[in-house]
Every structure is written in structure tokens, then in C-alpha cells.
């Protein structure tokens, strides 16, 4: 069992206080957006034996177990993060596995450099993800029903929004959503900037259900992603609640602290709220234009006290143990790799004492007992 030393990524949208408050450290004044736990080559965790990707590469079957290697290859198939949003992240979607493989192969054949700003596919993997709130957590997830979105636009009283509301009512659901998102992303930039400015002022004036969109517009003035965001469901998670984001589902995180887990991929297609590259044709090919309830997840308790966040994919499995004072140790031994993360209290994992923000990597099959008083999140794979 290896104690992990993890990198905090200073993305501009990060909170300046949330991760320091969790870790019990002084804020630096700079944004601290994500703390990565895993073997992603962009910021692998460090151990006493080297970086985690080096440790796994040296003996993949010993560290990951034969079942995980046979299923996912000789690499850790998930990335665990603590995410702290102080401003909205980009509005984005992720491809499914087939789309990712085809897109990656196509860009490789065309010789697009891996670090090119206009490259869409950094790897050949999909990127389903799960966010579990540690504080109240605001986000956007999935399309509203077109009629509901049209009513929201009408309520703003902005004349230049009427054509979009009319389009939403003029077609079947999937066609209507596609038509409007396409129109928003391909509109004349100057006209769109004026519409967004008027929309932002109306959202700020009306408040209530419009308040989150006023906040988005404050951070991204004139960005067409503000109108795209109005097509999506706004969700406020309470601590312990989670959202699963599958392929093709547009989403954005707005504010709050959470534990995030995802398949080990960097593939993102953006549709707004960002200065980064937006490939509209490829985005429209990947987005699933289906209105749906966001589907807030609550953990399902098992007899041994493990609370599991059930998701339909195998690259990761997230659960938590809330340990009460005086309870016996929980045996978490599994024939698969694990990362254990403390988010509250003081917990002992093997020989390691974990306080909030501390984590360990547990190789497949290694004895893993946790005890103490606090909360431990467990990231592993389904094998």
C-alpha cells in the first residue's frame, strides 16, 4: 500500500479556498482546481517507489491484477480527482468508445500533433465520469425538454431569443435541440454577443431559476455557450449526491467541491464557456440530442457498510465508507487496484493515517483494512 503525493492543477476556474480548506492548508491566492490521484501521464501521483505510472509499468499484473490487465490493458483504467470549481467549467461532451477510437485514428492519420490546440482526440478512449458532491455543488447536465427550454427563453423577454424559442417548438425533440444548438454556435459573433449581453441582463434582473445563467454570463460575457447552457438542466447536488455523465451528454460544472472519477482519457469536445477550440461539426456529431432527467445518484448501502454509486461502465467503481467511532475495521481487500481517499475525520488504512485529502494506492489483492472515524472514498474497477 503506497501513500500518494498528488499534484494540484491550477486551472483558472478553480476555487482559491476549497481545496486548501479540505487539506487544512493556507490558501496561496491562486486557483486550485483539481487534485489528481492516479497514473495519468499528465500528472501521475508519486509514491515511495516512483511515480504511480512507473510503478504500474514495471509490474502491471502485480499492481493491477490479471483480470484488470486482461480487460483494460497494463494501465490504471481510471483517474480519481478532487475537483473545486470556483467558476463555470467549459460546456462539453465526451465521445463513446467507438467514436473515440475512430476520431483518434483519423487525427493520427492526418498527422495532427498531439499537443495541437485544434486536436479533438488526445487518446483512443472514452471518458464517462461521475461527480460526487462534498459540498453543495451546482452543475448543468443533459438537455431540457424543448418546450421547457422554449418557455425559459420566452420568460426572459429578449426579442432576439424568439427565433430560438420558435425553432424549439417547430420540430420533434431531437431535431429541435440540434437545430437550436447549431444556430447558436454558427450565428454571427457580433449579433450573438449582443443577444448574450441582453440575455445576461434579463437573467440578472429576474433571478430565481435564471440566477445560475446570470452567473455563467458574468464569467463568460458574450459567449454563445450562455445560450447553449439555457437548453440544459440545472442541478444542485447536496453532499453525498452524485451525477453520472455518459457519452454525448452535454454538461458543465459551475460551483462546488466534489470527488470526481472518470475513465483515463482526455477526450473533450467543447460547445462554449471557453476560449479553447470548438469544432462545431464534430461536436454536433457526438452530442446526443435527447432530453433527459439528470438522474441524481444516491449511494446504495450494502450489508458491510459500503455505499456504492452505481454506474453502467466497468472502468471505475466509486463507493464510500462512513466510519463511526467504535466500529470494527472494514476489510476492503479486492483482486483489483484501488485508491482510498479520506475526505473527513481521521482514518487508518493499513499502516497509513489519513486525514482529509490524503490517499493511498492499494495493489490488487493486497490486504486493505480501514478503521477510525471519518469518510473514505474507494475507487476501483469492476472485474
Protein backbone atom coordinates (compact mmCIF):
# COMPACT_ATOMS: atom_id res chain seq x y z
CA UNK A 1 0.00 0.00 0.00
CA UNK A 2 1.53 3.28 -1.13
CA UNK A 3 0.80 6.72 0.26
CA UNK A 4 0.18 9.09 -2.66
CA UNK A 5 1.64 12.55 -3.15
CA UNK A 6 -0.68 14.27 -5.60
CA UNK A 7 -0.49 17.24 -7.93
CA UNK A 8 -2.98 20.12 -7.70
CA UNK A 9 -3.78 21.65 -11.09
CA UNK A 10 -4.15 25.49 -11.06
CA UNK A 11 -6.78 25.92 -13.78
CA UNK A 12 -8.28 29.42 -13.93
CA UNK A 13 -11.79 28.23 -12.99
CA UNK A 14 -10.59 26.66 -9.74
CA UNK A 15 -11.58 27.83 -6.27
CA UNK A 16 -8.88 29.64 -4.32
CA UNK A 17 -10.10 28.26 -0.97
CA UNK A 18 -11.96 24.91 -1.27
CA UNK A 19 -9.02 22.50 -1.64
CA UNK A 20 -6.88 24.32 0.97
CA UNK A 21 -9.83 24.17 3.39
CA UNK A 22 -10.15 20.42 2.83
CA UNK A 23 -6.41 19.84 3.27
CA UNK A 24 -6.11 22.21 6.23
CA UNK A 25 -3.52 24.38 4.45
CA UNK A 26 -3.28 28.11 3.85
CA UNK A 27 -4.64 29.38 0.52
CA UNK A 28 -1.99 30.68 -1.84
CA UNK A 29 -4.31 33.20 -3.51
CA UNK A 30 -4.08 31.23 -6.75
CA UNK A 31 -6.86 28.97 -8.08
CA UNK A 32 -6.58 25.32 -7.08
CA UNK A 33 -8.91 23.40 -9.39
CA UNK A 34 -8.17 19.68 -9.35
CA UNK A 35 -6.07 17.29 -7.30
CA UNK A 36 -5.25 14.23 -9.41
CA UNK A 37 -4.89 10.74 -7.92
CA UNK A 38 -3.79 8.04 -10.32
CA UNK A 39 -1.35 7.18 -13.08
CA UNK A 40 -2.34 9.65 -15.79
CA UNK A 41 0.88 10.71 -17.57
CA UNK A 42 -0.16 14.38 -17.31
CA UNK A 43 0.29 14.39 -13.52
CA UNK A 44 0.89 10.92 -12.07
CA UNK A 45 0.76 10.51 -8.30
CA UNK A 46 4.11 9.99 -6.61
CA UNK A 47 4.92 7.12 -4.26
CA UNK A 48 7.98 5.96 -2.36
CA UNK A 49 8.66 3.60 -5.28
CA UNK A 50 8.48 6.23 -8.03
CA UNK A 51 5.54 7.76 -9.89
CA UNK A 52 2.47 5.55 -9.97
CA UNK A 53 2.60 5.12 -13.73
CA UNK A 54 6.22 3.91 -13.42
CA UNK A 55 5.29 1.53 -10.60
CA UNK A 56 2.48 0.01 -12.66
CA UNK A 57 4.53 -0.19 -15.86
CA UNK A 58 7.25 -2.15 -14.02
CA UNK A 59 4.85 -4.92 -12.92
CA UNK A 60 1.30 -4.42 -14.27
CA UNK A 61 -0.12 -7.80 -13.23
CA UNK A 62 1.25 -7.49 -9.69
CA UNK A 63 -0.11 -3.97 -9.24
CA UNK A 64 -3.38 -4.21 -11.20
CA UNK A 65 -4.23 -7.90 -11.07
CA UNK A 66 -4.51 -10.27 -14.03
CA UNK A 67 -8.25 -9.65 -14.54
CA UNK A 68 -7.82 -5.87 -14.85
CA UNK A 69 -4.85 -6.23 -17.22
CA UNK A 70 -6.78 -8.69 -19.40
CA UNK A 71 -9.79 -6.37 -19.54
CA UNK A 72 -8.23 -2.90 -19.73
CA UNK A 73 -4.57 -3.40 -20.55
CA UNK A 74 -1.45 -2.70 -18.44
CA UNK A 75 -2.58 0.68 -17.12
CA UNK A 76 -4.81 2.00 -14.38
CA UNK A 77 -8.16 2.44 -16.16
CA UNK A 78 -9.47 5.32 -14.03
CA UNK A 79 -8.42 8.73 -12.74
CA UNK A 80 -9.66 10.00 -9.36
CA UNK A 81 -9.80 13.72 -8.59
CA UNK A 82 -10.87 16.24 -6.02
CA UNK A 83 -12.49 18.99 -8.09
CA UNK A 84 -13.06 22.52 -6.77
CA UNK A 85 -15.00 24.80 -9.12
CA UNK A 86 -14.98 28.49 -8.28
CA UNK A 87 -16.22 29.45 -11.76
CA UNK A 88 -18.00 27.52 -14.53
CA UNK A 89 -16.04 24.92 -16.46
CA UNK A 90 -16.44 24.68 -20.23
CA UNK A 91 -19.69 23.30 -21.59
CA UNK A 92 -18.62 19.95 -23.02
CA UNK A 93 -19.36 16.41 -24.17
CA UNK A 94 -17.30 13.23 -24.39
CA UNK A 95 -17.30 10.61 -27.17
CA UNK A 96 -18.22 6.96 -26.74
CA UNK A 97 -15.53 4.32 -27.16
CA UNK A 98 -16.16 3.70 -30.86
CA UNK A 99 -16.20 7.43 -31.65
CA UNK A 100 -13.01 8.00 -29.66
CA UNK A 101 -11.14 5.23 -31.47
CA UNK A 102 -12.29 6.42 -34.89
CA UNK A 103 -11.56 10.08 -34.11
CA UNK A 104 -8.11 9.32 -32.70
CA UNK A 105 -7.16 7.13 -35.66
CA UNK A 106 -8.35 9.81 -38.10
CA UNK A 107 -6.34 12.59 -36.45
CA UNK A 108 -3.28 10.33 -36.27
CA UNK A 109 -3.56 9.57 -39.99
CA UNK A 110 -3.83 13.30 -40.73
CA UNK A 111 -0.72 13.98 -38.70
CA UNK A 112 -2.29 16.42 -36.25
CA UNK A 113 0.24 16.90 -33.41
CA UNK A 114 -0.89 15.51 -30.06
CA UNK A 115 -0.49 18.94 -28.43
CA UNK A 116 -2.18 20.93 -31.23
CA UNK A 117 -4.85 23.25 -29.79
CA UNK A 118 -7.31 22.19 -32.51
CA UNK A 119 -6.90 18.47 -31.83
CA UNK A 120 -10.09 16.83 -30.51
CA UNK A 121 -8.91 13.31 -29.64
CA UNK A 122 -5.90 13.03 -27.33
CA UNK A 123 -6.32 9.26 -27.00
CA UNK A 124 -8.49 6.37 -28.19
CA UNK A 125 -10.54 6.01 -25.02
CA UNK A 126 -13.97 7.17 -23.90
CA UNK A 127 -14.44 9.38 -20.85
CA UNK A 128 -17.53 8.57 -18.82
CA UNK A 129 -17.35 10.31 -15.45
CA UNK A 130 -19.02 10.62 -12.06
CA UNK A 131 -19.01 13.64 -9.76
CA UNK A 132 -19.96 13.21 -6.08
CA UNK A 133 -20.59 16.37 -4.07
CA UNK A 134 -18.66 17.10 -0.88
CA UNK A 135 -20.37 20.50 -0.55
CA UNK A 136 -23.42 21.89 -2.31
CA UNK A 137 -22.48 21.51 -5.95
CA UNK A 138 -24.04 23.24 -8.97
CA UNK A 139 -23.89 21.92 -12.49
CA UNK A 140 -25.61 21.58 -15.85
CA UNK A 141 -26.45 18.12 -17.13
CA UNK A 142 -28.38 16.98 -20.20
CA UNK A 143 -30.99 18.72 -22.31
CA UNK A 144 -34.27 20.10 -21.06
CA UNK A 145 -37.38 19.14 -22.99
CA UNK A 146 -37.62 21.61 -25.92
CA UNK A 147 -40.95 23.02 -24.76
CA UNK A 148 -39.48 23.70 -21.32
CA UNK A 149 -36.41 25.35 -22.86
CA UNK A 150 -38.64 27.47 -25.13
CA UNK A 151 -40.68 28.65 -22.13
CA UNK A 152 -37.46 29.56 -20.29
CA UNK A 153 -36.30 31.66 -23.26
CA UNK A 154 -39.70 33.32 -23.64
CA UNK A 155 -39.68 34.27 -19.96
CA UNK A 156 -36.62 36.44 -20.46
CA UNK A 157 -38.45 38.85 -22.73
CA UNK A 158 -35.47 39.26 -25.08
CA UNK A 159 -36.75 39.71 -28.67
CA UNK A 160 -33.67 38.16 -30.30
CA UNK A 161 -34.34 34.89 -28.43
CA UNK A 162 -37.75 34.42 -30.08
CA UNK A 163 -36.38 32.66 -33.22
CA UNK A 164 -34.70 30.06 -31.00
CA UNK A 165 -37.88 29.52 -28.98
CA UNK A 166 -39.85 29.12 -32.22
CA UNK A 167 -37.36 26.54 -33.52
CA UNK A 168 -37.68 24.58 -30.28
CA UNK A 169 -41.44 24.30 -30.83
CA UNK A 170 -41.30 23.62 -34.58
CA UNK A 171 -39.61 20.21 -34.74
CA UNK A 172 -39.52 16.82 -32.99
CA UNK A 173 -37.47 16.89 -29.79
CA UNK A 174 -34.08 15.69 -31.08
CA UNK A 175 -34.30 17.73 -34.30
CA UNK A 176 -35.36 20.86 -32.39
CA UNK A 177 -32.44 20.67 -29.98
CA UNK A 178 -30.00 20.05 -32.82
CA UNK A 179 -31.39 22.98 -34.85
CA UNK A 180 -31.11 25.42 -31.96
CA UNK A 181 -27.65 24.39 -30.78
CA UNK A 182 -26.40 24.56 -34.38
CA UNK A 183 -27.96 28.01 -34.84
CA UNK A 184 -26.41 29.30 -31.59
CA UNK A 185 -22.92 28.03 -32.39
CA UNK A 186 -22.90 29.25 -36.01
CA UNK A 187 -24.54 32.67 -35.51
CA UNK A 188 -22.77 35.91 -36.44
CA UNK A 189 -20.41 36.57 -33.50
CA UNK A 190 -21.32 40.26 -33.14
CA UNK A 191 -25.06 39.55 -33.18
CA UNK A 192 -24.63 36.67 -30.77
CA UNK A 193 -22.62 38.82 -28.38
CA UNK A 194 -25.43 41.39 -28.29
CA UNK A 195 -28.03 38.67 -27.68
CA UNK A 196 -25.99 37.15 -24.88
CA UNK A 197 -25.49 40.56 -23.27
CA UNK A 198 -29.24 41.22 -23.31
CA UNK A 199 -29.94 37.70 -22.05
CA UNK A 200 -27.46 38.10 -19.20
CA UNK A 201 -29.07 41.36 -18.09
CA UNK A 202 -32.51 39.74 -18.11
CA UNK A 203 -31.25 36.73 -16.13
CA UNK A 204 -29.70 39.01 -13.51
CA UNK A 205 -32.88 41.10 -13.28
CA UNK A 206 -35.25 38.12 -12.94
CA UNK A 207 -33.13 35.90 -10.65
CA UNK A 208 -34.70 32.67 -9.39
CA UNK A 209 -34.35 29.91 -12.00
CA UNK A 210 -32.35 32.34 -14.15
CA UNK A 211 -29.75 33.16 -11.49
CA UNK A 212 -27.28 30.37 -12.41
CA UNK A 213 -27.22 31.60 -16.01
CA UNK A 214 -26.55 35.17 -14.89
CA UNK A 215 -23.56 33.81 -13.02
CA UNK A 216 -22.34 31.94 -16.09
CA UNK A 217 -22.67 35.09 -18.23
CA UNK A 218 -20.73 37.09 -15.65
CA UNK A 219 -17.73 34.79 -16.15
CA UNK A 220 -18.15 34.46 -19.94
CA UNK A 221 -19.61 37.72 -21.28
CA UNK A 222 -20.85 37.45 -24.85
CA UNK A 223 -20.11 33.72 -25.08
CA UNK A 224 -22.68 31.70 -27.11
CA UNK A 225 -22.30 28.98 -24.51
CA UNK A 226 -24.56 31.08 -22.26
CA UNK A 227 -27.48 30.39 -24.63
CA UNK A 228 -26.45 26.75 -25.01
CA UNK A 229 -26.49 26.47 -21.21
CA UNK A 230 -30.14 27.60 -21.11
CA UNK A 231 -31.00 24.44 -23.06
CA UNK A 232 -29.66 22.27 -20.24
CA UNK A 233 -30.96 21.14 -16.87
CA UNK A 234 -29.57 22.99 -13.86
CA UNK A 235 -28.79 20.63 -10.97
CA UNK A 236 -27.84 21.39 -7.37
CA UNK A 237 -26.34 18.38 -5.60
CA UNK A 238 -26.33 18.06 -1.83
CA UNK A 239 -23.29 16.50 -0.12
CA UNK A 240 -23.19 12.79 -0.89
CA UNK A 241 -25.28 13.07 -4.07
CA UNK A 242 -23.72 12.40 -7.46
CA UNK A 243 -24.17 12.75 -11.22
CA UNK A 244 -23.08 10.25 -13.85
CA UNK A 245 -22.13 11.76 -17.23
CA UNK A 246 -22.21 9.29 -20.09
CA UNK A 247 -21.09 9.71 -23.70
CA UNK A 248 -22.69 12.51 -25.69
CA UNK A 249 -24.36 14.19 -22.69
CA UNK A 250 -23.63 17.95 -22.60
CA UNK A 251 -22.63 19.16 -19.17
CA UNK A 252 -20.71 21.76 -17.19
CA UNK A 253 -19.75 22.09 -13.54
CA UNK A 254 -20.47 25.53 -12.10
CA UNK A 255 -19.53 25.73 -8.43
CA UNK A 256 -18.63 23.49 -5.51
CA UNK A 257 -16.27 20.80 -4.20
CA UNK A 258 -16.57 17.17 -5.18
CA UNK A 259 -14.88 13.82 -5.73
CA UNK A 260 -14.69 13.03 -9.45
CA UNK A 261 -13.79 9.75 -11.11
CA UNK A 262 -13.50 9.05 -14.82
CA UNK A 263 -12.11 6.66 -17.36
CA UNK A 264 -8.48 7.55 -18.02
CA UNK A 265 -8.96 9.85 -21.03
CA UNK A 266 -8.52 13.48 -22.12
CA UNK A 267 -11.11 13.49 -24.92
CA UNK A 268 -13.31 16.61 -24.67
CA UNK A 269 -15.42 18.38 -27.29
CA UNK A 270 -16.45 21.85 -26.18
CA UNK A 271 -19.55 23.85 -27.08
CA UNK A 272 -18.98 27.04 -25.11
CA UNK A 273 -17.84 28.84 -21.95
CA UNK A 274 -14.23 28.56 -23.03
CA UNK A 275 -11.56 30.34 -25.09
CA UNK A 276 -10.41 26.92 -26.34
CA UNK A 277 -11.06 25.37 -29.75
CA UNK A 278 -14.67 24.49 -30.65
CA UNK A 279 -15.11 22.08 -33.57
CA UNK A 280 -18.81 22.60 -34.31
CA UNK A 281 -19.30 19.83 -36.94
CA UNK A 282 -17.55 17.21 -34.79
CA UNK A 283 -19.37 18.39 -31.68
CA UNK A 284 -22.74 18.08 -33.38
CA UNK A 285 -21.82 14.55 -34.47
CA UNK A 286 -21.02 13.50 -30.91
CA UNK A 287 -23.83 15.21 -28.93
CA UNK A 288 -26.87 13.08 -28.13
CA UNK A 289 -29.85 15.35 -28.69
CA UNK A 290 -32.17 13.64 -26.24
CA UNK A 291 -33.88 15.45 -23.38
CA UNK A 292 -33.50 13.60 -20.10
CA UNK A 293 -33.73 13.99 -16.37
CA UNK A 294 -30.22 14.50 -14.93
CA UNK A 295 -30.65 11.39 -12.75
CA UNK A 296 -29.19 12.38 -9.37
CA UNK A 297 -27.49 9.34 -7.81
CA UNK A 298 -27.58 8.49 -4.13
CA UNK A 299 -25.37 5.71 -2.79
CA UNK A 300 -26.82 2.24 -2.27
CA UNK A 301 -25.81 0.77 1.11
CA UNK A 302 -24.65 -2.83 1.34
CA UNK A 303 -24.69 -5.00 4.50
CA UNK A 304 -20.96 -4.43 5.13
CA UNK A 305 -21.43 -0.65 5.26
CA UNK A 306 -20.12 0.14 1.77
CA UNK A 307 -22.21 2.76 -0.06
CA UNK A 308 -21.90 2.27 -3.82
CA UNK A 309 -22.59 4.80 -6.59
CA UNK A 310 -23.95 2.51 -9.28
CA UNK A 311 -22.87 3.31 -12.86
CA UNK A 312 -23.19 1.35 -16.12
CA UNK A 313 -19.49 1.13 -17.00
CA UNK A 314 -16.62 -1.07 -15.80
CA UNK A 315 -13.51 1.16 -15.88
CA UNK A 316 -14.36 2.57 -12.47
CA UNK A 317 -16.45 1.84 -9.41
CA UNK A 318 -16.82 4.53 -6.72
CA UNK A 319 -18.09 3.90 -3.21
CA UNK A 320 -17.65 5.31 0.26
CA UNK A 321 -17.43 4.10 3.85
CA UNK A 322 -18.64 6.39 6.62
CA UNK A 323 -16.84 5.09 9.70
CA UNK A 324 -18.36 5.72 13.10
CA UNK A 325 -16.38 5.81 16.35
CA UNK A 326 -16.02 2.39 17.92
CA UNK A 327 -16.94 0.33 14.85
CA UNK A 328 -14.74 -2.56 13.74
CA UNK A 329 -12.26 -2.30 10.89
CA UNK A 330 -13.62 -2.66 7.35
CA UNK A 331 -11.81 -5.16 5.14
CA UNK A 332 -11.58 -3.64 1.62
CA UNK A 333 -9.27 -6.24 0.07
CA UNK A 334 -10.04 -6.79 -3.64
CA UNK A 335 -8.42 -8.60 -6.60
CA UNK A 336 -8.21 -5.23 -8.37
CA UNK A 337 -6.31 -1.94 -7.91
CA UNK A 338 -7.77 0.61 -5.51
CA UNK A 339 -7.26 4.19 -4.42
CA UNK A 340 -8.59 5.08 -0.96
CA UNK A 341 -9.24 8.77 -0.28
CA UNK A 342 -10.13 10.30 3.08
CA UNK A 343 -12.50 13.29 2.90
CA UNK A 344 -13.43 13.71 6.59
CA UNK A 345 -12.14 12.74 10.01
CA UNK A 346 -9.06 10.61 10.65
CA UNK A 347 -8.86 7.14 9.15
CA UNK A 348 -6.23 4.43 9.28
CA UNK A 349 -5.60 2.45 6.09
CA UNK A 350 -3.06 -0.28 6.74
CA UNK A 351 -0.07 1.50 8.29
CA UNK A 352 -1.11 4.92 6.98
CA UNK A 353 -3.05 7.56 8.91
CA UNK A 354 -5.22 9.54 6.51
CA UNK A 355 -6.67 13.00 7.14
CA UNK A 356 -8.89 14.88 4.66
CA UNK A 357 -7.35 14.92 1.19
CA UNK A 358 -4.86 12.12 1.89
CA UNK A 359 -4.92 8.96 -0.23
CA UNK A 360 -3.23 5.59 -0.77
CA UNK A 361 -2.87 3.20 -3.70
CA UNK A 362 -3.62 -0.43 -2.89
CA UNK A 363 -2.28 -3.02 -5.37
CA UNK A 364 -4.61 -5.83 -6.43
CA UNK A 365 -5.05 -8.48 -3.75
CA UNK A 366 -3.15 -6.60 -1.06
CA UNK A 367 -4.71 -6.62 2.40
CA UNK A 368 -6.64 -3.37 2.91
CA UNK A 369 -8.33 -2.62 6.21
CA UNK A 370 -9.68 0.80 7.20
CA UNK A 371 -10.69 1.97 10.64
CA UNK A 372 -11.16 5.17 12.59
CA UNK A 373 -13.78 7.90 12.47
CA UNK A 374 -14.39 9.59 9.15
CA UNK A 375 -15.25 9.09 5.49
CA UNK A 376 -13.26 7.10 2.95
CA UNK A 377 -13.97 7.04 -0.77
CA UNK A 378 -12.91 3.89 -2.58
CA UNK A 379 -12.06 3.96 -6.29
CA UNK A 380 -11.54 0.67 -8.08
CA UNK A 381 -12.59 -1.25 -11.21
CA UNK A 382 -15.23 -3.86 -11.93
CA UNK A 383 -13.55 -7.22 -12.60
